[in-house]
Amino acid sequence: MPISLEKAWDFFSSPKNLKEITPDKLGFVIHTELPDQMYPGLFIQYTVKPILGFPMTWVTEITHIRDKEYFVDEQRLGPYQIWHHQHFFKEIEGGVEMTDIIDYRAPFGILGKVANALFIRSQLEEIFKYREDKMIELFGEFKKPILNSV
């Protein structure tokens, strides 16, 4: 993103911005009174409607933070057997590189593996594509220089 590390960190470390980067079709509603900035141990409770509009409670905890470098959220209650989401920020020439790493496991054993293959993985890819598009809308597209060796 063509913004400063400070601006990127301020936006993403504020849990109040989570709804803005979540697709409306998920019916995302936050039920926790949110602070301006997250902190380790912060629990966030929300409702999502990921499957056929049925509401599900999801509770995540912010487990690790290193200022302007990374933070981690982990599911404590929700639709996944495992959800561990790492957010990394790195200052680069002309802006900030942000990397998300999500380790997850669908519930229900083999049925969860089938559901993952049929729709869960593609739904997650769609959500993160939405977030990518939203970042471009909010902050602009980062254009890498074209290098021609002559």
N, C-alpha and C. Protein backbone atom coordinates (compact mmCIF):
# COMPACT_ATOMS: atom_id res chain seq x y z
N MET A 1 0.85 -1.17 0.00
CA MET A 1 0.00 0.00 0.00
C MET A 1 0.90 1.24 0.00
N PRO A 2 0.54 2.24 -0.75
CA PRO A 2 1.36 3.45 -0.82
C PRO A 2 1.08 4.41 0.34
N ILE A 3 1.26 3.92 1.55
CA ILE A 3 1.05 4.74 2.75
C ILE A 3 2.19 4.46 3.72
N SER A 4 2.29 5.29 4.74
CA SER A 4 3.34 5.09 5.74
C SER A 4 3.02 3.90 6.63
N LEU A 5 4.06 3.37 7.24
CA LEU A 5 3.87 2.27 8.19
C LEU A 5 2.98 2.73 9.34
N GLU A 6 3.18 3.95 9.79
CA GLU A 6 2.36 4.51 10.88
C GLU A 6 0.88 4.51 10.51
N LYS A 7 0.57 4.97 9.30
CA LYS A 7 -0.84 5.03 8.87
C LYS A 7 -1.43 3.63 8.73
N ALA A 8 -0.67 2.70 8.16
CA ALA A 8 -1.15 1.32 8.01
C ALA A 8 -1.40 0.71 9.39
N TRP A 9 -0.46 0.87 10.29
CA TRP A 9 -0.60 0.30 11.63
C TRP A 9 -1.80 0.91 12.35
N ASP A 10 -1.94 2.24 12.28
CA ASP A 10 -3.07 2.90 12.95
C ASP A 10 -4.40 2.35 12.46
N PHE A 11 -4.52 2.11 11.15
CA PHE A 11 -5.78 1.61 10.61
C PHE A 11 -6.03 0.17 11.05
N PHE A 12 -5.06 -0.71 10.85
CA PHE A 12 -5.29 -2.14 11.10
C PHE A 12 -5.26 -2.51 12.57
N SER A 13 -4.60 -1.73 13.40
CA SER A 13 -4.57 -2.07 14.82
C SER A 13 -5.77 -1.50 15.57
N SER A 14 -6.66 -0.82 14.86
CA SER A 14 -7.89 -0.35 15.47
C SER A 14 -9.01 -1.35 15.17
N PRO A 15 -9.51 -2.05 16.17
CA PRO A 15 -10.57 -3.02 15.91
C PRO A 15 -11.85 -2.35 15.39
N LYS A 16 -11.95 -1.04 15.54
CA LYS A 16 -13.13 -0.33 15.04
C LYS A 16 -13.18 -0.34 13.51
N ASN A 17 -12.08 -0.64 12.84
CA ASN A 17 -12.05 -0.66 11.38
C ASN A 17 -12.36 -2.04 10.80
N LEU A 18 -12.53 -3.03 11.65
CA LEU A 18 -12.76 -4.40 11.18
C LEU A 18 -14.02 -4.52 10.32
N LYS A 19 -15.09 -3.87 10.72
CA LYS A 19 -16.33 -3.95 9.95
C LYS A 19 -16.15 -3.36 8.56
N GLU A 20 -15.36 -2.30 8.47
CA GLU A 20 -15.17 -1.62 7.18
C GLU A 20 -14.49 -2.51 6.14
N ILE A 21 -13.71 -3.47 6.58
CA ILE A 21 -12.99 -4.33 5.64
C ILE A 21 -13.60 -5.73 5.55
N THR A 22 -14.85 -5.86 6.01
CA THR A 22 -15.56 -7.14 5.96
C THR A 22 -16.75 -7.01 5.03
N PRO A 23 -16.92 -7.94 4.09
CA PRO A 23 -18.04 -7.85 3.14
C PRO A 23 -19.39 -7.79 3.86
N ASP A 24 -20.27 -6.91 3.38
CA ASP A 24 -21.60 -6.75 3.97
C ASP A 24 -22.39 -8.05 3.99
N LYS A 25 -22.20 -8.88 2.96
CA LYS A 25 -23.00 -10.11 2.86
C LYS A 25 -22.75 -11.09 4.01
N LEU A 26 -21.69 -10.88 4.79
CA LEU A 26 -21.43 -11.75 5.94
C LEU A 26 -22.26 -11.36 7.16
N GLY A 27 -22.99 -10.25 7.08
CA GLY A 27 -23.83 -9.83 8.20
C GLY A 27 -23.03 -9.63 9.47
N PHE A 28 -21.85 -9.06 9.35
CA PHE A 28 -20.89 -8.90 10.44
C PHE A 28 -21.36 -7.82 11.41
N VAL A 29 -21.59 -8.21 12.68
CA VAL A 29 -22.01 -7.26 13.71
C VAL A 29 -21.12 -7.47 14.93
N ILE A 30 -20.46 -6.39 15.36
CA ILE A 30 -19.59 -6.46 16.53
C ILE A 30 -20.43 -6.20 17.78
N HIS A 31 -20.26 -7.05 18.81
CA HIS A 31 -21.03 -6.93 20.05
C HIS A 31 -20.19 -6.43 21.22
N THR A 32 -18.91 -6.23 21.00
CA THR A 32 -17.99 -5.80 22.05
C THR A 32 -17.79 -4.29 21.97
N GLU A 33 -17.72 -3.63 23.11
CA GLU A 33 -17.33 -2.22 23.10
C GLU A 33 -15.83 -2.19 22.80
N LEU A 34 -15.48 -1.51 21.72
CA LEU A 34 -14.10 -1.60 21.23
C LEU A 34 -13.25 -0.41 21.65
N PRO A 35 -12.01 -0.68 22.02
CA PRO A 35 -11.06 0.42 22.28
C PRO A 35 -10.56 0.96 20.94
N ASP A 36 -9.89 2.10 20.98
CA ASP A 36 -9.33 2.67 19.76
C ASP A 36 -8.20 1.82 19.20
N GLN A 37 -7.41 1.22 20.09
CA GLN A 37 -6.30 0.37 19.66
C GLN A 37 -6.39 -0.98 20.37
N MET A 38 -6.03 -2.03 19.65
CA MET A 38 -6.07 -3.36 20.26
C MET A 38 -4.92 -3.53 21.23
N TYR A 39 -5.02 -4.56 22.04
CA TYR A 39 -3.99 -4.91 23.00
C TYR A 39 -4.04 -6.42 23.23
N PRO A 40 -2.92 -7.01 23.64
CA PRO A 40 -2.93 -8.46 23.91
C PRO A 40 -3.97 -8.78 24.99
N GLY A 41 -4.76 -9.80 24.73
CA GLY A 41 -5.79 -10.20 25.68
C GLY A 41 -7.16 -9.63 25.35
N LEU A 42 -7.24 -8.76 24.33
CA LEU A 42 -8.54 -8.20 23.93
C LEU A 42 -9.40 -9.29 23.30
N PHE A 43 -10.60 -9.47 23.82
CA PHE A 43 -11.58 -10.37 23.23
C PHE A 43 -12.58 -9.54 22.43
N ILE A 44 -12.89 -10.00 21.22
CA ILE A 44 -13.87 -9.33 20.38
C ILE A 44 -14.93 -10.36 20.02
N GLN A 45 -16.19 -10.03 20.33
CA GLN A 45 -17.30 -10.92 20.01
C GLN A 45 -18.12 -10.30 18.90
N TYR A 46 -18.43 -11.11 17.91
CA TYR A 46 -19.27 -10.65 16.81
C TYR A 46 -20.13 -11.78 16.29
N THR A 47 -21.08 -11.39 15.47
CA THR A 47 -21.94 -12.34 14.80
C THR A 47 -21.61 -12.28 13.31
N VAL A 48 -21.51 -13.43 12.69
CA VAL A 48 -21.33 -13.52 11.24
C VAL A 48 -22.38 -14.49 10.70
N LYS A 49 -22.65 -14.34 9.41
CA LYS A 49 -23.61 -15.22 8.74
C LYS A 49 -22.94 -15.83 7.52
N PRO A 50 -22.00 -16.76 7.74
CA PRO A 50 -21.22 -17.28 6.62
C PRO A 50 -21.93 -18.34 5.77
N ILE A 51 -22.94 -19.00 6.33
CA ILE A 51 -23.59 -20.10 5.60
C ILE A 51 -25.10 -19.88 5.56
N LEU A 52 -25.60 -19.62 4.38
CA LEU A 52 -27.04 -19.48 4.14
C LEU A 52 -27.72 -18.46 5.06
N GLY A 53 -26.99 -17.46 5.51
CA GLY A 53 -27.57 -16.40 6.33
C GLY A 53 -27.85 -16.77 7.78
N PHE A 54 -27.37 -17.94 8.22
CA PHE A 54 -27.58 -18.33 9.61
C PHE A 54 -26.53 -17.65 10.49
N PRO A 55 -26.97 -16.95 11.55
CA PRO A 55 -26.00 -16.24 12.40
C PRO A 55 -25.20 -17.20 13.28
N MET A 56 -23.91 -16.88 13.41
CA MET A 56 -23.02 -17.64 14.27
C MET A 56 -22.25 -16.66 15.14
N THR A 57 -22.05 -17.01 16.39
CA THR A 57 -21.22 -16.20 17.27
C THR A 57 -19.76 -16.56 17.02
N TRP A 58 -18.93 -15.53 16.94
CA TRP A 58 -17.50 -15.73 16.76
C TRP A 58 -16.80 -14.85 17.79
N VAL A 59 -15.89 -15.43 18.55
CA VAL A 59 -15.11 -14.69 19.54
C VAL A 59 -13.65 -14.91 19.20
N THR A 60 -12.92 -13.80 19.03
CA THR A 60 -11.48 -13.89 18.81
C THR A 60 -10.75 -13.15 19.92
N GLU A 61 -9.53 -13.58 20.15
CA GLU A 61 -8.65 -12.92 21.12
C GLU A 61 -7.42 -12.42 20.39
N ILE A 62 -7.03 -11.19 20.67
CA ILE A 62 -5.74 -10.67 20.18
C ILE A 62 -4.69 -11.24 21.13
N THR A 63 -3.85 -12.12 20.60
CA THR A 63 -2.92 -12.84 21.48
C THR A 63 -1.51 -12.27 21.49
N HIS A 64 -1.08 -11.69 20.38
CA HIS A 64 0.29 -11.17 20.28
C HIS A 64 0.28 -9.87 19.49
N ILE A 65 1.10 -8.93 19.94
CA ILE A 65 1.28 -7.68 19.21
C ILE A 65 2.74 -7.25 19.35
N ARG A 66 3.33 -6.89 18.25
CA ARG A 66 4.61 -6.17 18.26
C ARG A 66 4.36 -4.91 17.44
N ASP A 67 4.42 -3.77 18.12
CA ASP A 67 4.05 -2.48 17.55
C ASP A 67 4.67 -2.26 16.17
N LYS A 68 3.79 -1.97 15.21
CA LYS A 68 4.15 -1.66 13.83
C LYS A 68 4.85 -2.81 13.10
N GLU A 69 4.75 -4.03 13.66
CA GLU A 69 5.35 -5.19 12.99
C GLU A 69 4.32 -6.29 12.72
N TYR A 70 3.57 -6.69 13.76
CA TYR A 70 2.59 -7.76 13.57
C TYR A 70 1.62 -7.81 14.73
N PHE A 71 0.48 -8.48 14.46
CA PHE A 71 -0.41 -8.90 15.53
C PHE A 71 -1.08 -10.19 15.12
N VAL A 72 -1.60 -10.90 16.12
CA VAL A 72 -2.21 -12.21 15.89
C VAL A 72 -3.58 -12.24 16.56
N ASP A 73 -4.58 -12.74 15.81
CA ASP A 73 -5.87 -13.02 16.43
C ASP A 73 -6.14 -14.51 16.32
N GLU A 74 -6.73 -15.06 17.39
CA GLU A 74 -7.07 -16.48 17.44
C GLU A 74 -8.52 -16.63 17.86
N GLN A 75 -9.20 -17.57 17.20
CA GLN A 75 -10.59 -17.84 17.56
C GLN A 75 -10.65 -18.54 18.91
N ARG A 76 -11.58 -18.10 19.74
CA ARG A 76 -11.86 -18.77 21.01
C ARG A 76 -13.19 -19.50 20.96
N LEU A 77 -14.11 -18.98 20.14
CA LEU A 77 -15.42 -19.61 19.93
C LEU A 77 -15.84 -19.23 18.53
N GLY A 78 -16.31 -20.19 17.76
CA GLY A 78 -16.75 -19.82 16.42
C GLY A 78 -16.84 -20.99 15.47
N PRO A 79 -16.86 -20.66 14.18
CA PRO A 79 -17.15 -21.67 13.17
C PRO A 79 -16.00 -22.62 12.84
N TYR A 80 -14.80 -22.33 13.29
CA TYR A 80 -13.65 -23.17 12.94
C TYR A 80 -13.19 -24.00 14.13
N GLN A 81 -12.59 -25.13 13.82
CA GLN A 81 -11.95 -25.91 14.88
C GLN A 81 -10.68 -25.18 15.30
N ILE A 82 -9.95 -24.63 14.31
CA ILE A 82 -8.75 -23.83 14.56
C ILE A 82 -8.82 -22.59 13.68
N TRP A 83 -8.47 -21.44 14.25
CA TRP A 83 -8.33 -20.18 13.49
C TRP A 83 -7.19 -19.40 14.14
N HIS A 84 -6.13 -19.22 13.40
CA HIS A 84 -4.94 -18.49 13.86
C HIS A 84 -4.55 -17.56 12.71
N HIS A 85 -4.70 -16.25 12.92
CA HIS A 85 -4.52 -15.26 11.85
C HIS A 85 -3.41 -14.29 12.23
N GLN A 86 -2.33 -14.33 11.45
CA GLN A 86 -1.19 -13.44 11.66
C GLN A 86 -1.24 -12.31 10.63
N HIS A 87 -0.96 -11.09 11.10
CA HIS A 87 -0.94 -9.90 10.25
C HIS A 87 0.46 -9.29 10.36
N PHE A 88 1.20 -9.24 9.27
CA PHE A 88 2.55 -8.70 9.28
C PHE A 88 2.62 -7.41 8.47
N PHE A 89 3.41 -6.45 8.94
CA PHE A 89 3.58 -5.15 8.30
C PHE A 89 5.07 -4.90 8.12
N LYS A 90 5.45 -4.49 6.90
CA LYS A 90 6.85 -4.24 6.61
C LYS A 90 6.97 -2.99 5.76
N GLU A 91 7.77 -2.06 6.23
CA GLU A 91 8.01 -0.84 5.46
C GLU A 91 8.90 -1.19 4.27
N ILE A 92 8.46 -0.78 3.09
CA ILE A 92 9.24 -1.00 1.88
C ILE A 92 9.31 0.33 1.13
N GLU A 93 10.14 0.37 0.13
CA GLU A 93 10.26 1.61 -0.64
C GLU A 93 8.90 1.98 -1.24
N GLY A 94 8.42 3.17 -0.92
CA GLY A 94 7.16 3.66 -1.48
C GLY A 94 5.92 3.24 -0.71
N GLY A 95 6.06 2.54 0.40
CA GLY A 95 4.85 2.16 1.13
C GLY A 95 5.05 1.05 2.15
N VAL A 96 4.03 0.24 2.28
CA VAL A 96 4.00 -0.82 3.28
C VAL A 96 3.52 -2.11 2.63
N GLU A 97 4.22 -3.18 2.92
CA GLU A 97 3.79 -4.52 2.52
C GLU A 97 3.08 -5.15 3.70
N MET A 98 1.86 -5.61 3.47
CA MET A 98 1.10 -6.28 4.52
C MET A 98 0.88 -7.73 4.09
N THR A 99 1.14 -8.64 5.00
CA THR A 99 0.97 -10.06 4.70
C THR A 99 0.07 -10.68 5.76
N ASP A 100 -0.95 -11.40 5.31
CA ASP A 100 -1.82 -12.17 6.19
C ASP A 100 -1.48 -13.64 6.05
N ILE A 101 -1.35 -14.33 7.17
CA ILE A 101 -1.18 -15.79 7.17
C ILE A 101 -2.28 -16.35 8.05
N ILE A 102 -3.12 -17.20 7.47
CA ILE A 102 -4.24 -17.78 8.20
C ILE A 102 -4.06 -19.30 8.23
N ASP A 103 -4.00 -19.82 9.43
CA ASP A 103 -4.03 -21.27 9.61
C ASP A 103 -5.40 -21.59 10.19
N TYR A 104 -6.14 -22.45 9.52
CA TYR A 104 -7.49 -22.77 9.98
C TYR A 104 -7.80 -24.24 9.71
N ARG A 105 -8.77 -24.74 10.45
CA ARG A 105 -9.29 -26.08 10.22
C ARG A 105 -10.79 -26.02 10.40
N ALA A 106 -11.51 -26.52 9.43
CA ALA A 106 -12.96 -26.60 9.54
C ALA A 106 -13.32 -27.67 10.57
N PRO A 107 -14.47 -27.52 11.22
CA PRO A 107 -14.89 -28.55 12.19
C PRO A 107 -15.43 -29.80 11.49
N PHE A 108 -15.75 -30.79 12.26
CA PHE A 108 -16.47 -31.99 11.82
C PHE A 108 -15.65 -32.95 10.98
N GLY A 109 -14.33 -33.01 11.22
CA GLY A 109 -13.49 -34.03 10.59
C GLY A 109 -13.59 -34.07 9.09
N ILE A 110 -13.91 -35.26 8.56
CA ILE A 110 -13.95 -35.46 7.11
C ILE A 110 -15.04 -34.59 6.47
N LEU A 111 -16.16 -34.41 7.16
CA LEU A 111 -17.20 -33.52 6.61
C LEU A 111 -16.70 -32.09 6.48
N GLY A 112 -15.90 -31.64 7.45
CA GLY A 112 -15.30 -30.32 7.38
C GLY A 112 -14.32 -30.20 6.23
N LYS A 113 -13.57 -31.28 5.98
CA LYS A 113 -12.63 -31.27 4.84
C LYS A 113 -13.39 -31.17 3.52
N VAL A 114 -14.50 -31.85 3.43
CA VAL A 114 -15.32 -31.77 2.22
C VAL A 114 -15.91 -30.36 2.08
N ALA A 115 -16.43 -29.81 3.19
CA ALA A 115 -16.99 -28.45 3.16
C ALA A 115 -15.91 -27.43 2.79
N ASN A 116 -14.69 -27.65 3.29
CA ASN A 116 -13.59 -26.75 2.94
C ASN A 116 -13.33 -26.79 1.44
N ALA A 117 -13.30 -27.99 0.87
CA ALA A 117 -13.06 -28.13 -0.56
C ALA A 117 -14.20 -27.55 -1.39
N LEU A 118 -15.44 -27.71 -0.90
CA LEU A 118 -16.60 -27.24 -1.66
C LEU A 118 -16.82 -25.73 -1.57
N PHE A 119 -16.65 -25.13 -0.36
CA PHE A 119 -16.97 -23.71 -0.28
C PHE A 119 -16.21 -22.88 0.76
N ILE A 120 -15.70 -23.48 1.82
CA ILE A 120 -15.08 -22.67 2.87
C ILE A 120 -13.83 -21.94 2.35
N ARG A 121 -12.93 -22.68 1.72
CA ARG A 121 -11.70 -22.06 1.23
C ARG A 121 -12.01 -20.94 0.22
N SER A 122 -12.91 -21.20 -0.70
CA SER A 122 -13.22 -20.17 -1.70
C SER A 122 -13.89 -18.95 -1.04
N GLN A 123 -14.69 -19.18 0.00
CA GLN A 123 -15.30 -18.05 0.70
C GLN A 123 -14.23 -17.22 1.41
N LEU A 124 -13.26 -17.87 2.02
CA LEU A 124 -12.16 -17.13 2.66
C LEU A 124 -11.35 -16.35 1.62
N GLU A 125 -11.08 -16.97 0.48
CA GLU A 125 -10.37 -16.26 -0.59
C GLU A 125 -11.15 -15.04 -1.05
N GLU A 126 -12.46 -15.17 -1.15
CA GLU A 126 -13.33 -14.06 -1.54
C GLU A 126 -13.27 -12.93 -0.50
N ILE A 127 -13.30 -13.28 0.77
CA ILE A 127 -13.23 -12.27 1.84
C ILE A 127 -11.92 -11.50 1.77
N PHE A 128 -10.80 -12.20 1.56
CA PHE A 128 -9.52 -11.51 1.52
C PHE A 128 -9.32 -10.76 0.21
N LYS A 129 -9.95 -11.18 -0.86
CA LYS A 129 -9.95 -10.39 -2.09
C LYS A 129 -10.73 -9.10 -1.88
N TYR A 130 -11.85 -9.19 -1.16
CA TYR A 130 -12.63 -7.99 -0.81
C TYR A 130 -11.75 -7.03 -0.02
N ARG A 131 -11.02 -7.55 0.94
CA ARG A 131 -10.14 -6.70 1.75
C ARG A 131 -9.05 -6.05 0.91
N GLU A 132 -8.49 -6.81 0.00
CA GLU A 132 -7.47 -6.24 -0.90
C GLU A 132 -8.07 -5.09 -1.71
N ASP A 133 -9.24 -5.32 -2.28
CA ASP A 133 -9.91 -4.27 -3.06
C ASP A 133 -10.23 -3.06 -2.20
N LYS A 134 -10.64 -3.30 -0.96
CA LYS A 134 -10.96 -2.21 -0.03
C LYS A 134 -9.71 -1.39 0.29
N MET A 135 -8.58 -2.07 0.45
CA MET A 135 -7.33 -1.35 0.73
C MET A 135 -6.96 -0.45 -0.44
N ILE A 136 -7.15 -0.93 -1.66
CA ILE A 136 -6.88 -0.12 -2.84
C ILE A 136 -7.82 1.08 -2.87
N GLU A 137 -9.09 0.85 -2.56
CA GLU A 137 -10.07 1.94 -2.51
C GLU A 137 -9.69 2.99 -1.46
N LEU A 138 -9.28 2.55 -0.28
CA LEU A 138 -8.98 3.46 0.81
C LEU A 138 -7.62 4.15 0.68
N PHE A 139 -6.61 3.41 0.20
CA PHE A 139 -5.25 3.92 0.26
C PHE A 139 -4.55 4.03 -1.08
N GLY A 140 -5.14 3.49 -2.13
CA GLY A 140 -4.51 3.54 -3.44
C GLY A 140 -3.73 2.27 -3.75
N GLU A 141 -3.52 2.05 -5.01
CA GLU A 141 -2.82 0.84 -5.45
C GLU A 141 -1.33 1.09 -5.48
N PHE A 142 -0.60 0.14 -4.97
CA PHE A 142 0.85 0.24 -4.97
C PHE A 142 1.35 -0.25 -6.32
N LYS A 143 2.06 0.59 -7.00
CA LYS A 143 2.63 0.22 -8.30
C LYS A 143 4.12 0.01 -8.15
N LYS A 144 4.57 -1.15 -8.49
CA LYS A 144 6.00 -1.42 -8.45
C LYS A 144 6.63 -0.81 -9.70
N PRO A 145 7.85 -0.33 -9.59
CA PRO A 145 8.50 0.26 -10.77
C PRO A 145 8.80 -0.80 -11.82
N ILE A 146 8.81 -0.37 -13.04
CA ILE A 146 9.20 -1.25 -14.14
C ILE A 146 10.69 -1.06 -14.35
N LEU A 147 11.44 -2.11 -14.24
CA LEU A 147 12.90 -2.04 -14.39
C LEU A 147 13.28 -2.67 -15.71
N ASN A 148 13.88 -1.90 -16.56
CA ASN A 148 14.35 -2.40 -17.85
C ASN A 148 15.87 -2.32 -17.88
N SER A 149 16.49 -3.43 -18.02
CA SER A 149 17.94 -3.44 -18.14
C SER A 149 18.30 -3.27 -19.59
N VAL A 150 19.11 -2.25 -19.90
CA VAL A 150 19.50 -2.00 -21.30
C VAL A 150 20.97 -2.16 -21.52
